[in-house]
Protein backbone atom coordinates (compact mmCIF):
# COMPACT_ATOMS: atom_id res chain seq x y z
CA MET A 1 0.00 0.00 0.00
CA LEU A 2 2.78 2.37 0.96
CA ASN A 3 4.74 1.46 -2.13
CA ARG A 4 1.69 2.17 -4.29
CA ARG A 5 1.14 5.59 -2.67
CA PHE A 6 4.80 6.39 -3.13
CA LYS A 7 4.66 5.53 -6.84
CA GLU A 8 1.50 7.60 -7.27
CA SER A 9 3.18 10.54 -5.54
CA ILE A 10 6.25 10.29 -7.77
CA PHE A 11 4.00 10.05 -10.85
CA SER A 12 2.10 13.17 -9.83
CA VAL A 13 5.29 15.16 -9.36
CA LEU A 14 6.63 14.04 -12.72
CA LEU A 15 3.31 14.87 -14.40
CA VAL A 16 3.40 18.39 -12.98
CA LEU A 17 7.01 18.87 -14.11
CA VAL A 18 6.32 17.56 -17.61
CA CYS A 19 3.20 19.70 -17.98
CA GLY A 20 5.16 22.69 -16.75
CA MET A 21 7.88 22.04 -19.29
CA PHE A 22 5.40 21.87 -22.13
CA ALA A 23 3.50 24.92 -20.88
CA ALA A 24 6.73 26.89 -20.81
CA GLN A 25 7.64 26.03 -24.37
CA PRO A 26 6.90 28.92 -26.74
CA VAL A 27 4.39 28.15 -29.44
CA ILE A 28 5.45 29.82 -32.67
CA GLY A 29 4.00 28.74 -35.99
CA GLN A 30 5.71 29.44 -39.25
CA VAL A 31 8.21 32.23 -39.82
CA ILE A 32 6.84 34.53 -42.50
CA ILE A 33 9.60 36.56 -44.15
CA VAL A 34 8.21 39.62 -45.90
CA LYS A 35 10.55 41.48 -48.24
CA SER A 36 9.85 44.90 -49.66
CA SER A 37 10.79 43.80 -53.19
CA ASP A 38 12.75 41.25 -55.15
CA ASN A 39 16.43 42.11 -54.91
CA ALA A 40 19.71 40.34 -54.31
CA TYR A 41 20.29 42.02 -50.92
CA PHE A 42 17.12 40.67 -49.36
CA ASP A 43 17.64 37.24 -50.94
CA GLN A 44 21.19 37.01 -49.56
CA THR A 45 19.97 37.97 -46.10
CA ILE A 46 17.22 35.35 -46.24
CA SER A 47 19.68 32.67 -47.37
CA THR A 48 22.06 33.52 -44.50
CA LEU A 49 19.22 33.62 -42.01
CA LYS A 50 18.00 30.15 -42.91
CA LYS A 51 21.52 28.70 -42.59
CA HIS A 52 21.81 29.87 -38.99
CA VAL A 53 18.32 29.11 -37.68
CA ASP A 54 16.98 25.92 -36.11
CA PRO A 55 16.37 23.49 -39.02
CA ALA A 56 12.95 22.67 -37.58
CA ALA A 57 11.70 26.20 -38.28
CA ARG A 58 9.15 26.50 -41.09
CA PHE A 59 9.58 29.44 -43.46
CA LYS A 60 7.38 31.20 -45.96
CA VAL A 61 8.79 34.05 -48.06
CA LEU A 62 6.48 36.71 -49.45
CA LYS A 63 6.75 40.12 -51.07
CA ALA A 64 5.00 42.99 -49.30
CA THR A 65 2.44 43.19 -52.10
CA GLU A 66 1.53 39.50 -51.63
CA LEU A 67 0.87 39.64 -47.91
CA GLY A 68 -2.82 40.58 -48.18
CA ASP A 69 -3.52 37.51 -50.31
CA GLU A 70 -2.21 35.23 -47.54
CA LEU A 71 -4.65 36.29 -44.80
CA THR A 72 -6.43 32.95 -44.65
CA ARG A 73 -3.10 31.10 -44.25
CA ILE A 74 -1.70 33.27 -41.45
CA SER A 75 -2.31 32.52 -37.77
CA ARG A 76 -1.72 34.47 -34.57
CA SER A 77 1.17 32.15 -33.72
CA ASP A 78 3.15 33.08 -36.85
CA LEU A 79 6.25 35.22 -36.51
CA PHE A 80 7.03 37.88 -39.11
CA VAL A 81 10.44 39.00 -40.30
CA ALA A 82 10.02 42.23 -42.29
CA LEU A 83 12.81 43.44 -44.58
CA GLY A 84 12.62 47.10 -45.57
CA GLN A 85 10.13 49.90 -45.00
CA SER A 86 7.44 48.63 -47.40
CA ALA A 87 7.49 45.22 -45.73
CA VAL A 88 7.29 46.73 -42.25
CA GLU A 89 4.35 48.89 -43.26
CA ALA A 90 2.59 45.91 -44.89
CA VAL A 91 2.91 43.81 -41.70
CA ASN A 92 1.69 46.71 -39.55
CA GLN A 93 -1.26 47.26 -41.85
CA LEU A 94 -2.12 43.59 -41.56
CA ASP A 95 -1.88 43.59 -37.75
CA THR A 96 -0.29 46.30 -35.63
CA GLU A 97 0.15 43.76 -32.81
CA ALA A 98 1.75 41.08 -34.98
CA ASP A 99 4.86 39.43 -33.54
CA SER A 100 7.62 40.71 -35.81
CA ILE A 101 11.32 41.40 -36.20
CA ASN A 102 12.17 44.24 -38.56
CA ALA A 103 15.38 44.91 -40.49
CA TYR A 104 16.73 47.12 -43.28
CA LEU A 105 15.55 50.30 -41.55
CA THR A 106 17.70 53.24 -40.53
CA LEU A 107 17.29 54.72 -37.08
CA GLU A 108 15.67 57.71 -38.75
CA GLN A 109 13.05 55.46 -40.40
CA TYR A 110 12.51 53.52 -37.17
CA GLN A 111 11.67 56.72 -35.32
CA GLU A 112 9.39 58.01 -38.08
CA LEU A 113 7.43 54.73 -38.21
CA ASN A 114 6.93 54.71 -34.42
CA LEU A 115 7.94 51.07 -33.99
CA ASN A 116 8.60 51.13 -30.25
CA HIS A 117 6.61 47.91 -29.70
CA HIS A 118 8.42 45.93 -32.41
CA LEU A 119 11.90 44.48 -32.27
CA THR A 120 14.02 46.15 -34.96
CA ILE A 121 17.58 45.89 -36.19
CA VAL A 122 18.60 49.29 -37.52
CA LEU A 123 21.20 49.69 -40.24
CA ASP A 124 23.07 52.30 -38.20
CA GLN A 125 26.27 51.24 -36.49
CA PRO A 126 26.56 52.16 -32.80
CA MET A 127 28.17 55.58 -32.45
CA HIS A 128 31.24 54.28 -30.61
CA ARG A 129 31.99 52.10 -33.66
CA TYR A 130 31.67 55.00 -36.11
CA LEU A 131 33.96 57.16 -34.00
CA ALA A 132 36.54 54.44 -33.43
CA PHE A 133 36.56 53.69 -37.15
CA CYS A 134 37.25 57.35 -38.01
CA LYS A 135 39.96 57.78 -35.39
CA LEU A 136 41.80 54.50 -35.90
CA MET A 137 41.76 54.77 -39.67
CA LEU A 138 42.69 58.43 -40.09
CA ASP A 139 44.15 59.52 -36.74
CA ILE A 140 42.13 62.74 -36.82
CA GLU A 141 41.24 65.12 -33.97
CA SER A 142 37.76 66.35 -34.93
CA ILE A 143 34.72 64.86 -36.66
CA GLY A 144 31.69 66.67 -38.02
CA VAL A 145 28.18 65.19 -38.40
CA ILE A 146 25.03 66.72 -39.85
CA GLU A 147 21.50 66.10 -38.55
CA ALA A 148 18.10 67.19 -39.81
CA ASN A 149 16.36 66.99 -36.43
CA ARG A 150 16.85 68.77 -33.13
CA ILE A 151 20.31 67.99 -31.77
CA ASP A 152 20.74 66.73 -28.23
CA PRO A 153 24.21 67.86 -27.11
CA ASN A 154 24.68 64.55 -25.26
CA GLN A 155 23.26 62.39 -28.05
CA TYR A 156 26.63 61.10 -29.22
CA ARG A 157 28.59 61.25 -25.98
CA THR A 158 30.71 58.10 -25.76
CA GLN A 159 33.82 56.87 -23.97
CA ILE A 160 35.60 56.84 -27.33
CA LEU A 161 35.60 60.66 -27.38
CA ASP A 162 37.30 60.77 -23.98
CA LYS A 163 39.70 57.92 -24.70
CA PHE A 164 41.05 59.52 -27.87
CA GLN A 165 40.49 63.16 -26.82
CA LEU A 166 38.39 63.38 -29.95
CA ARG A 167 36.01 66.25 -30.73
CA LEU A 168 32.62 65.56 -32.28
CA ASN A 169 30.94 68.66 -33.70
CA GLN A 170 27.28 68.54 -34.68
CA TYR A 171 25.59 70.63 -37.36
CA ARG A 172 21.92 70.95 -38.18
CA ILE A 173 20.13 71.68 -41.41
CA ASP A 174 16.58 72.99 -41.64
CA LYS A 175 14.67 75.49 -43.77
CA ALA A 176 16.96 78.27 -42.59
CA ASN A 177 20.19 76.26 -42.76
CA LYS A 178 20.71 74.75 -46.19
CA LEU A 179 22.92 71.71 -46.63
CA LEU A 180 25.84 73.07 -48.67
CA PRO A 181 26.53 76.16 -46.49
CA VAL A 182 26.37 73.96 -43.38
CA LEU A 183 28.66 71.43 -45.05
CA ARG A 184 31.11 74.19 -45.94
CA ASP A 185 31.33 75.24 -42.28
CA LEU A 186 31.76 71.62 -41.20
CA LEU A 187 34.62 70.99 -43.64
CA ASN A 188 36.37 74.21 -42.60
CA GLN A 189 36.19 73.33 -38.91
CA ASN A 190 36.78 69.56 -38.85
CA ASP A 191 39.19 66.92 -40.10
CA VAL A 192 36.55 64.56 -41.49
CA LEU A 193 32.87 64.39 -42.45
CA LEU A 194 31.05 61.43 -40.91
CA MET A 195 27.95 60.69 -42.99
CA LEU A 196 25.28 58.99 -40.88
CA PRO A 197 22.34 57.03 -42.39
CA ARG A 198 20.03 59.99 -42.93
CA GLN A 199 18.09 59.66 -46.16
CA SER A 200 16.66 63.13 -45.65
CA ILE A 201 20.21 64.54 -45.93
CA TYR A 202 22.14 62.13 -48.15
CA ASN A 203 20.14 61.17 -51.20
CA ARG A 204 20.43 61.18 -55.00
CA ASP A 205 19.83 64.93 -55.11
CA THR A 206 22.56 65.86 -52.62
CA LEU A 207 25.16 63.07 -52.64
CA LYS A 208 27.24 64.29 -55.58
CA GLY A 209 27.54 67.80 -54.14
CA VAL A 210 28.48 66.47 -50.68
CA LEU A 211 31.25 64.20 -51.97
CA LEU A 212 32.61 66.81 -54.40
CA SER A 213 32.79 69.40 -51.62
CA SER A 214 34.59 66.92 -49.39
CA TYR A 215 37.11 66.07 -52.11
CA ARG A 216 37.78 69.68 -53.14
CA ASN A 217 38.35 70.69 -49.52
CA ARG A 218 40.69 67.71 -49.10
CA LYS A 219 38.66 66.53 -46.12
CA PRO A 220 37.76 62.83 -46.33
CA ALA A 221 34.17 61.66 -46.06
CA ILE A 222 33.40 58.45 -44.16
CA SER A 223 30.04 56.94 -44.97
CA TYR A 224 27.53 54.29 -43.95
CA SER A 225 27.20 53.01 -47.53
CA PRO A 226 29.61 51.08 -49.77
CA ALA A 227 27.96 52.74 -52.78
CA HIS A 228 29.19 56.11 -51.49
CA VAL A 229 32.75 54.76 -51.44
CA LYS A 230 32.48 54.03 -55.16
CA SER A 231 31.32 57.62 -55.64
CA GLY A 232 34.13 59.29 -53.71
CA ALA A 233 33.93 58.66 -49.96
CA ILE A 234 37.22 57.40 -48.57
CA ALA A 235 35.65 54.55 -46.59
CA SER A 236 32.46 53.11 -45.16
CA ILE A 237 31.52 50.89 -42.25
CA PHE A 238 28.20 49.15 -42.78
CA SER A 239 26.25 45.93 -42.34
CA SER A 240 26.17 43.72 -45.40
CA PRO A 241 23.24 41.42 -46.27
CA VAL A 242 25.17 38.54 -44.69
CA ASP A 243 25.79 40.60 -41.54
CA ILE A 244 22.09 41.39 -41.29
CA GLY A 245 21.15 37.74 -41.84
CA ARG A 246 23.44 36.62 -39.02
CA HIS A 247 22.01 39.21 -36.65
CA LEU A 248 18.44 38.27 -37.55
CA ALA A 249 19.25 34.61 -36.95
CA LEU A 250 20.42 35.36 -33.41
CA LEU A 251 17.17 37.16 -32.58
CA LEU A 252 14.99 34.61 -34.34
CA ASN A 253 16.59 31.68 -32.53
CA GLN A 254 16.01 33.48 -29.26
CA LYS A 255 12.35 33.97 -30.10
CA LEU A 256 11.93 30.37 -31.27
CA ASN A 257 13.56 28.99 -28.13
CA ASN A 258 12.18 31.36 -25.52
CA GLY A 259 9.16 32.99 -27.09
CA VAL A 260 10.35 36.40 -25.93
CA HIS A 261 13.18 38.83 -26.46
CA ASN A 262 14.81 40.49 -23.48
CA GLY A 263 16.44 43.70 -24.56
CA PRO A 264 15.80 47.15 -26.05
CA PRO A 265 13.09 47.59 -28.71
CA PHE A 266 15.72 48.24 -31.33
CA GLN A 267 19.30 47.10 -31.77
CA PHE A 268 22.15 48.70 -33.65
CA ALA A 269 23.86 46.53 -36.23
CA ARG A 270 25.88 43.84 -34.42
CA PHE A 271 28.04 42.68 -37.34
CA TYR A 272 29.79 44.96 -39.80
CA THR A 273 31.87 45.18 -42.96
CA ILE A 274 34.52 47.71 -44.01
CA THR A 275 35.29 49.01 -47.49
CA THR A 276 37.78 51.67 -48.59
CA ASN A 277 38.63 53.72 -51.66
CA LEU A 278 42.41 53.59 -52.18
CA ARG A 279 42.22 55.94 -55.17
CA VAL A 280 40.70 58.71 -53.04
CA ALA A 281 43.12 57.96 -50.20
CA ASP A 282 46.09 58.30 -52.55
CA ALA A 283 44.74 61.57 -53.98
CA LEU A 284 44.41 62.98 -50.46
CA GLY A 285 47.84 61.70 -49.41
CA ILE A 286 46.43 59.31 -46.80
CA ASP A 287 47.91 55.93 -45.94
CA LEU A 288 45.14 53.61 -44.80
CA PRO A 289 45.83 50.81 -42.30
CA GLU A 290 45.25 47.17 -43.19
CA GLU A 291 41.60 46.21 -42.83
CA ARG A 292 42.35 43.22 -40.58
CA GLU A 293 44.34 45.37 -38.17
CA LEU A 294 41.70 48.10 -38.23
CA ARG A 295 38.88 45.65 -37.49
CA SER A 296 40.83 44.04 -34.66
CA ARG A 297 41.43 47.40 -32.99
CA ILE A 298 37.79 48.45 -33.38
CA ASP A 299 36.59 45.18 -31.84
CA GLU A 300 38.89 45.69 -28.86
CA LEU A 301 36.99 48.90 -28.09
CA GLN A 302 33.55 47.27 -27.92
CA PRO A 303 31.83 48.45 -24.70
């Protein structure tokens, strides 16, 4: 009798533990990847993402314009991965409370879209990485950046500035302060122009003038885009499609395993790539360090 009661007691405890384990397991259906359009960048990110995610995960890939046609095949347990602004807007239009991870947005776009309740990887590098990149590559003393919004004097305060005794000067454009006059002041007062991912400032209408002014003033421009390096910037530090795919995989695995993400609503790019323009460097009389050495020194300064 005692033995029977003991076995029943053990069985009850095990049953509670097993039920608790199953109750704690996150229930996520398929992973629906929504891309803003068909292009090689998104496809490369998706390919990288799939390589680094639990093989048991089920994927469906759609374009933003196809999402509405899939309503009957989407459940509340599905997790969205939205690539680009059109994809993010399509998912939000479908369901503002949908569980989603967003990518291929700049910090500027993230703020404009008011995505505080959605996990987002922004294309921007963390400011300490931008500053370390500029200092370690060019050994300069002052950096100028341009913003289109109100400037918080402490917005870019980092330990890198103190460590290297580096000055960061901020300039603002608005209706009263046009871009080229502001840029002229920046280039006269600083050793380098740091171009941040601000589509409202750096776009097809302004880019040529910005890079020409930089070159003529013999002040190098460091950008967030490899395309700008081809057009005349001396270097860029950015996240490639593979970098973005790896970062997405980390977050997606966390969601698939835990059902939740513990951290800030947005994350700066975790992985990065460097590209340089040796022709521009030679014209400006600048000797650039080896990329491997530069990357190693930047990584040592990670907070």
